[in-house]
């Protein structure tokens, strides 16, 4: 026989803090860690929203004749990436039931953005600087228990490090565009922000 019980909110005390990873059970430390982590997450979500809007504005304001071969290559790459992600989750597929043509619009957008951003980076010298990459890696590592080990792990692999270099380049492009664009701040509630990036 099954029974339904009323949810019980745990008492806010040392045991609760320990359950959240604060070894000594200090409630003040727990609150500081939660506040810091929420602050980092909010910052990431806001930056993601702004970046998405800037990138869309770049695509919308630029007319390009896209090479069909680049769009086809990007669509195939997207299919391969989707297949790899599904296989990493345990799904074995001999043939992914996604027609690359169905991804054509997204592939066109990605190719256009790649060309636009690449040209901006070249013309305006917006490449990633080592100190920017280090700051992004360090900020990312702060959400882990052993940040120094995470930084070492990222720097030990060129592919992992290149992800942060790409983020630095994107941040430079966003900053460059925002310095030249008419920007209007719009307030957004916490729930809406956290849901927007999901």
C-alpha atoms as a PDB file:
ATOM      1  CA  UNK A   1       0.000   0.000   0.000  1.00  0.00           C
ATOM      2  CA  UNK A   2       1.292   3.443  -0.924  1.00  0.00           C
ATOM      3  CA  UNK A   3       0.789   6.525   1.140  1.00  0.00           C
ATOM      4  CA  UNK A   4       1.205  10.197   0.503  1.00  0.00           C
ATOM      5  CA  UNK A   5       2.922  12.292   3.102  1.00  0.00           C
ATOM      6  CA  UNK A   6       3.106  15.998   3.546  1.00  0.00           C
ATOM      7  CA  UNK A   7       6.462  17.516   2.504  1.00  0.00           C
ATOM      8  CA  UNK A   8       8.633  18.490   5.445  1.00  0.00           C
ATOM      9  CA  UNK A   9      10.955  21.471   5.129  1.00  0.00           C
ATOM     10  CA  UNK A  10      14.298  20.703   6.766  1.00  0.00           C
ATOM     11  CA  UNK A  11      15.378  22.801   9.715  1.00  0.00           C
ATOM     12  CA  UNK A  12      17.901  25.491   8.861  1.00  0.00           C
ATOM     13  CA  UNK A  13      20.829  24.419  10.988  1.00  0.00           C
ATOM     14  CA  UNK A  14      24.314  22.899  10.922  1.00  0.00           C
ATOM     15  CA  UNK A  15      23.076  19.560   9.535  1.00  0.00           C
ATOM     16  CA  UNK A  16      21.385  21.325   6.650  1.00  0.00           C
ATOM     17  CA  UNK A  17      24.544  23.339   5.923  1.00  0.00           C
ATOM     18  CA  UNK A  18      26.640  20.144   5.982  1.00  0.00           C
ATOM     19  CA  UNK A  19      24.201  18.507   3.562  1.00  0.00           C
ATOM     20  CA  UNK A  20      24.876  21.421   1.172  1.00  0.00           C
ATOM     21  CA  UNK A  21      28.638  20.895   1.377  1.00  0.00           C
ATOM     22  CA  UNK A  22      29.669  23.280   4.166  1.00  0.00           C
ATOM     23  CA  UNK A  23      31.936  20.925   6.114  1.00  0.00           C
ATOM     24  CA  UNK A  24      31.781  22.720   9.467  1.00  0.00           C
ATOM     25  CA  UNK A  25      28.010  23.359   9.262  1.00  0.00           C
ATOM     26  CA  UNK A  26      28.410  27.151   9.547  1.00  0.00           C
ATOM     27  CA  UNK A  27      25.089  28.707   8.455  1.00  0.00           C
ATOM     28  CA  UNK A  28      26.692  32.091   7.667  1.00  0.00           C
ATOM     29  CA  UNK A  29      29.201  30.391   5.319  1.00  0.00           C
ATOM     30  CA  UNK A  30      26.379  28.459   3.684  1.00  0.00           C
ATOM     31  CA  UNK A  31      24.416  31.674   3.066  1.00  0.00           C
ATOM     32  CA  UNK A  32      27.508  33.389   1.643  1.00  0.00           C
ATOM     33  CA  UNK A  33      28.153  30.453  -0.716  1.00  0.00           C
ATOM     34  CA  UNK A  34      24.529  30.337  -1.849  1.00  0.00           C
ATOM     35  CA  UNK A  35      24.478  34.128  -2.371  1.00  0.00           C
ATOM     36  CA  UNK A  36      27.739  33.989  -4.321  1.00  0.00           C
ATOM     37  CA  UNK A  37      26.584  31.079  -6.508  1.00  0.00           C
ATOM     38  CA  UNK A  38      23.216  32.698  -7.231  1.00  0.00           C
ATOM     39  CA  UNK A  39      25.005  35.966  -8.064  1.00  0.00           C
ATOM     40  CA  UNK A  40      27.295  34.167 -10.516  1.00  0.00           C
ATOM     41  CA  UNK A  41      24.348  32.376 -12.105  1.00  0.00           C
ATOM     42  CA  UNK A  42      22.374  35.611 -12.489  1.00  0.00           C
ATOM     43  CA  UNK A  43      25.419  37.307 -14.040  1.00  0.00           C
ATOM     44  CA  UNK A  44      25.816  34.407 -16.498  1.00  0.00           C
ATOM     45  CA  UNK A  45      22.143  34.491 -17.457  1.00  0.00           C
ATOM     46  CA  UNK A  46      22.121  38.258 -18.010  1.00  0.00           C
ATOM     47  CA  UNK A  47      25.293  38.073 -20.103  1.00  0.00           C
ATOM     48  CA  UNK A  48      23.798  35.196 -22.095  1.00  0.00           C
ATOM     49  CA  UNK A  49      20.603  37.157 -22.798  1.00  0.00           C
ATOM     50  CA  UNK A  50      22.548  40.243 -23.864  1.00  0.00           C
ATOM     51  CA  UNK A  51      24.902  38.182 -26.051  1.00  0.00           C
ATOM     52  CA  UNK A  52      21.969  36.450 -27.730  1.00  0.00           C
ATOM     53  CA  UNK A  53      20.312  39.782 -28.518  1.00  0.00           C
ATOM     54  CA  UNK A  54      23.573  41.319 -29.802  1.00  0.00           C
ATOM     55  CA  UNK A  55      24.270  38.331 -32.058  1.00  0.00           C
ATOM     56  CA  UNK A  56      20.727  38.443 -33.426  1.00  0.00           C
ATOM     57  CA  UNK A  57      21.104  42.178 -34.089  1.00  0.00           C
ATOM     58  CA  UNK A  58      24.333  41.502 -36.004  1.00  0.00           C
ATOM     59  CA  UNK A  59      22.590  38.915 -38.173  1.00  0.00           C
ATOM     60  CA  UNK A  60      19.525  41.112 -38.694  1.00  0.00           C
ATOM     61  CA  UNK A  61      21.563  44.171 -39.672  1.00  0.00           C
ATOM     62  CA  UNK A  62      23.905  42.429 -42.119  1.00  0.00           C
ATOM     63  CA  UNK A  63      23.121  41.248 -45.614  1.00  0.00           C
ATOM     64  CA  UNK A  64      25.324  38.383 -46.739  1.00  0.00           C
ATOM     65  CA  UNK A  65      25.417  36.018 -49.651  1.00  0.00           C
ATOM     66  CA  UNK A  66      26.193  32.763 -47.854  1.00  0.00           C
ATOM     67  CA  UNK A  67      28.177  30.086 -49.677  1.00  0.00           C
ATOM     68  CA  UNK A  68      25.857  27.082 -50.003  1.00  0.00           C
ATOM     69  CA  UNK A  69      28.741  24.694 -49.323  1.00  0.00           C
ATOM     70  CA  UNK A  70      29.416  26.328 -45.923  1.00  0.00           C
ATOM     71  CA  UNK A  71      25.748  26.036 -44.961  1.00  0.00           C
ATOM     72  CA  UNK A  72      25.687  22.346 -45.993  1.00  0.00           C
ATOM     73  CA  UNK A  73      28.884  21.632 -44.034  1.00  0.00           C
ATOM     74  CA  UNK A  74      27.459  23.370 -40.965  1.00  0.00           C
ATOM     75  CA  UNK A  75      24.170  21.445 -41.216  1.00  0.00           C
ATOM     76  CA  UNK A  76      26.112  18.152 -41.429  1.00  0.00           C
ATOM     77  CA  UNK A  77      28.237  19.209 -38.453  1.00  0.00           C
ATOM     78  CA  UNK A  78      25.066  19.959 -36.473  1.00  0.00           C
ATOM     79  CA  UNK A  79      23.701  16.490 -37.314  1.00  0.00           C
ATOM     80  CA  UNK A  80      26.976  14.889 -36.165  1.00  0.00           C
ATOM     81  CA  UNK A  81      26.967  16.935 -32.967  1.00  0.00           C
ATOM     82  CA  UNK A  82      23.370  15.925 -32.217  1.00  0.00           C
ATOM     83  CA  UNK A  83      24.234  12.274 -32.870  1.00  0.00           C
ATOM     84  CA  UNK A  84      27.258  12.471 -30.522  1.00  0.00           C
ATOM     85  CA  UNK A  85      25.154  14.090 -27.782  1.00  0.00           C
ATOM     86  CA  UNK A  86      22.464  11.416 -28.088  1.00  0.00           C
ATOM     87  CA  UNK A  87      25.055   8.631 -28.042  1.00  0.00           C
ATOM     88  CA  UNK A  88      26.668  10.182 -24.959  1.00  0.00           C
ATOM     89  CA  UNK A  89      23.259   9.811 -23.300  1.00  0.00           C
ATOM     90  CA  UNK A  90      23.142   6.137 -24.190  1.00  0.00           C
ATOM     91  CA  UNK A  91      21.117   6.207 -27.425  1.00  0.00           C
ATOM     92  CA  UNK A  92      22.783   4.226 -30.220  1.00  0.00           C
ATOM     93  CA  UNK A  93      21.641   5.368 -33.629  1.00  0.00           C
ATOM     94  CA  UNK A  94      22.932   4.073 -36.930  1.00  0.00           C
ATOM     95  CA  UNK A  95      21.185   6.853 -38.761  1.00  0.00           C
ATOM     96  CA  UNK A  96      19.993   9.988 -37.070  1.00  0.00           C
ATOM     97  CA  UNK A  97      16.382  10.634 -38.104  1.00  0.00           C
ATOM     98  CA  UNK A  98      17.127  14.300 -38.766  1.00  0.00           C
ATOM     99  CA  UNK A  99      17.358  15.586 -42.288  1.00  0.00           C
ATOM    100  CA  UNK A 100      20.205  18.130 -42.581  1.00  0.00           C
ATOM    101  CA  UNK A 101      17.837  20.234 -44.708  1.00  0.00           C
ATOM    102  CA  UNK A 102      15.631  20.638 -41.621  1.00  0.00           C
ATOM    103  CA  UNK A 103      18.572  22.371 -39.935  1.00  0.00           C
ATOM    104  CA  UNK A 104      19.238  24.695 -42.862  1.00  0.00           C
ATOM    105  CA  UNK A 105      17.924  27.906 -41.244  1.00  0.00           C
ATOM    106  CA  UNK A 106      19.912  27.342 -38.054  1.00  0.00           C
ATOM    107  CA  UNK A 107      22.962  26.437 -40.121  1.00  0.00           C
ATOM    108  CA  UNK A 108      22.570  29.628 -42.179  1.00  0.00           C
ATOM    109  CA  UNK A 109      22.408  31.693 -38.994  1.00  0.00           C
ATOM    110  CA  UNK A 110      25.514  30.016 -37.573  1.00  0.00           C
ATOM    111  CA  UNK A 111      27.482  30.477 -40.786  1.00  0.00           C
ATOM    112  CA  UNK A 112      26.390  34.120 -41.046  1.00  0.00           C
ATOM    113  CA  UNK A 113      27.345  34.764 -37.425  1.00  0.00           C
ATOM    114  CA  UNK A 114      30.684  33.037 -37.909  1.00  0.00           C
ATOM    115  CA  UNK A 115      31.476  35.222 -40.917  1.00  0.00           C
ATOM    116  CA  UNK A 116      30.267  38.440 -39.275  1.00  0.00           C
ATOM    117  CA  UNK A 117      32.029  37.820 -35.959  1.00  0.00           C
ATOM    118  CA  UNK A 118      35.187  36.653 -37.698  1.00  0.00           C
ATOM    119  CA  UNK A 119      35.325  39.838 -39.755  1.00  0.00           C
ATOM    120  CA  UNK A 120      34.642  42.048 -36.713  1.00  0.00           C
ATOM    121  CA  UNK A 121      37.352  40.283 -34.709  1.00  0.00           C
ATOM    122  CA  UNK A 122      39.835  40.742 -37.554  1.00  0.00           C
ATOM    123  CA  UNK A 123      38.968  44.353 -38.402  1.00  0.00           C
ATOM    124  CA  UNK A 124      38.608  45.606 -34.831  1.00  0.00           C
ATOM    125  CA  UNK A 125      41.306  43.439 -33.160  1.00  0.00           C
ATOM    126  CA  UNK A 126      38.788  41.812 -30.815  1.00  0.00           C
ATOM    127  CA  UNK A 127      40.726  38.583 -30.264  1.00  0.00           C
ATOM    128  CA  UNK A 128      40.941  36.970 -26.828  1.00  0.00           C
ATOM    129  CA  UNK A 129      43.673  38.233 -24.558  1.00  0.00           C
ATOM    130  CA  UNK A 130      45.333  35.754 -22.146  1.00  0.00           C
ATOM    131  CA  UNK A 131      44.220  37.719 -19.072  1.00  0.00           C
ATOM    132  CA  UNK A 132      40.587  37.656 -20.276  1.00  0.00           C
ATOM    133  CA  UNK A 133      40.726  33.899 -20.756  1.00  0.00           C
ATOM    134  CA  UNK A 134      42.328  33.442 -17.320  1.00  0.00           C
ATOM    135  CA  UNK A 135      39.579  35.559 -15.703  1.00  0.00           C
ATOM    136  CA  UNK A 136      36.825  33.508 -17.380  1.00  0.00           C
ATOM    137  CA  UNK A 137      38.466  30.208 -16.393  1.00  0.00           C
ATOM    138  CA  UNK A 138      38.965  31.403 -12.813  1.00  0.00           C
ATOM    139  CA  UNK A 139      35.368  32.613 -12.543  1.00  0.00           C
ATOM    140  CA  UNK A 140      34.088  29.297 -13.878  1.00  0.00           C
ATOM    141  CA  UNK A 141      36.275  27.351 -11.451  1.00  0.00           C
ATOM    142  CA  UNK A 142      34.892  29.233  -8.425  1.00  0.00           C
ATOM    143  CA  UNK A 143      31.715  27.174  -8.535  1.00  0.00           C
ATOM    144  CA  UNK A 144      33.685  23.997  -7.736  1.00  0.00           C
ATOM    145  CA  UNK A 145      35.065  22.766  -4.420  1.00  0.00           C
ATOM    146  CA  UNK A 146      38.680  22.791  -5.651  1.00  0.00           C
ATOM    147  CA  UNK A 147      38.923  25.758  -8.034  1.00  0.00           C
ATOM    148  CA  UNK A 148      42.698  25.494  -8.500  1.00  0.00           C
ATOM    149  CA  UNK A 149      42.361  21.895  -9.735  1.00  0.00           C
ATOM    150  CA  UNK A 150      39.620  22.931 -12.177  1.00  0.00           C
ATOM    151  CA  UNK A 151      41.831  25.716 -13.570  1.00  0.00           C
ATOM    152  CA  UNK A 152      44.700  23.236 -14.031  1.00  0.00           C
ATOM    153  CA  UNK A 153      42.340  20.742 -15.709  1.00  0.00           C
ATOM    154  CA  UNK A 154      41.072  23.359 -18.184  1.00  0.00           C
ATOM    155  CA  UNK A 155      44.557  24.602 -19.040  1.00  0.00           C
ATOM    156  CA  UNK A 156      45.792  21.037 -19.525  1.00  0.00           C
ATOM    157  CA  UNK A 157      43.676  20.555 -22.661  1.00  0.00           C
ATOM    158  CA  UNK A 158      43.762  22.890 -25.671  1.00  0.00           C
ATOM    159  CA  UNK A 159      40.185  22.057 -26.673  1.00  0.00           C
ATOM    160  CA  UNK A 160      38.792  22.866 -23.222  1.00  0.00           C
ATOM    161  CA  UNK A 161      40.803  26.083 -23.148  1.00  0.00           C
ATOM    162  CA  UNK A 162      39.607  27.047 -26.631  1.00  0.00           C
ATOM    163  CA  UNK A 163      36.019  27.130 -25.330  1.00  0.00           C
ATOM    164  CA  UNK A 164      37.011  29.904 -22.925  1.00  0.00           C
ATOM    165  CA  UNK A 165      38.967  31.688 -25.645  1.00  0.00           C
ATOM    166  CA  UNK A 166      35.790  31.636 -27.740  1.00  0.00           C
ATOM    167  CA  UNK A 167      33.804  33.059 -24.818  1.00  0.00           C
ATOM    168  CA  UNK A 168      36.358  35.867 -24.462  1.00  0.00           C
ATOM    169  CA  UNK A 169      36.093  36.693 -28.172  1.00  0.00           C
ATOM    170  CA  UNK A 170      32.290  36.720 -27.946  1.00  0.00           C
ATOM    171  CA  UNK A 171      32.492  39.020 -24.904  1.00  0.00           C
ATOM    172  CA  UNK A 172      34.770  41.381 -26.843  1.00  0.00           C
ATOM    173  CA  UNK A 173      32.348  41.448 -29.782  1.00  0.00           C
ATOM    174  CA  UNK A 174      29.367  42.064 -27.491  1.00  0.00           C
ATOM    175  CA  UNK A 175      31.217  44.884 -25.707  1.00  0.00           C
ATOM    176  CA  UNK A 176      32.232  46.443 -29.035  1.00  0.00           C
ATOM    177  CA  UNK A 177      28.644  46.328 -30.351  1.00  0.00           C
ATOM    178  CA  UNK A 178      27.135  47.663 -27.104  1.00  0.00           C
ATOM    179  CA  UNK A 179      29.541  50.618 -27.131  1.00  0.00           C
ATOM    180  CA  UNK A 180      28.211  51.591 -30.573  1.00  0.00           C
ATOM    181  CA  UNK A 181      24.560  50.585 -30.366  1.00  0.00           C
ATOM    182  CA  UNK A 182      21.547  52.303 -28.908  1.00  0.00           C
ATOM    183  CA  UNK A 183      20.873  50.221 -25.815  1.00  0.00           C
ATOM    184  CA  UNK A 184      17.748  50.272 -23.701  1.00  0.00           C
ATOM    185  CA  UNK A 185      17.806  48.552 -20.304  1.00  0.00           C
ATOM    186  CA  UNK A 186      14.738  46.486 -19.529  1.00  0.00           C
ATOM    187  CA  UNK A 187      14.047  45.152 -16.042  1.00  0.00           C
ATOM    188  CA  UNK A 188      13.425  41.435 -15.741  1.00  0.00           C
ATOM    189  CA  UNK A 189      12.282  39.452 -12.727  1.00  0.00           C
ATOM    190  CA  UNK A 190      14.408  36.703 -11.209  1.00  0.00           C
ATOM    191  CA  UNK A 191      12.006  33.902 -12.207  1.00  0.00           C
ATOM    192  CA  UNK A 192      11.739  35.188 -15.781  1.00  0.00           C
ATOM    193  CA  UNK A 193      15.525  35.501 -16.056  1.00  0.00           C
ATOM    194  CA  UNK A 194      16.168  32.012 -14.711  1.00  0.00           C
ATOM    195  CA  UNK A 195      13.528  30.580 -17.030  1.00  0.00           C
ATOM    196  CA  UNK A 196      14.721  32.549 -20.076  1.00  0.00           C
ATOM    197  CA  UNK A 197      18.088  30.791 -20.330  1.00  0.00           C
ATOM    198  CA  UNK A 198      16.716  27.310 -19.766  1.00  0.00           C
END
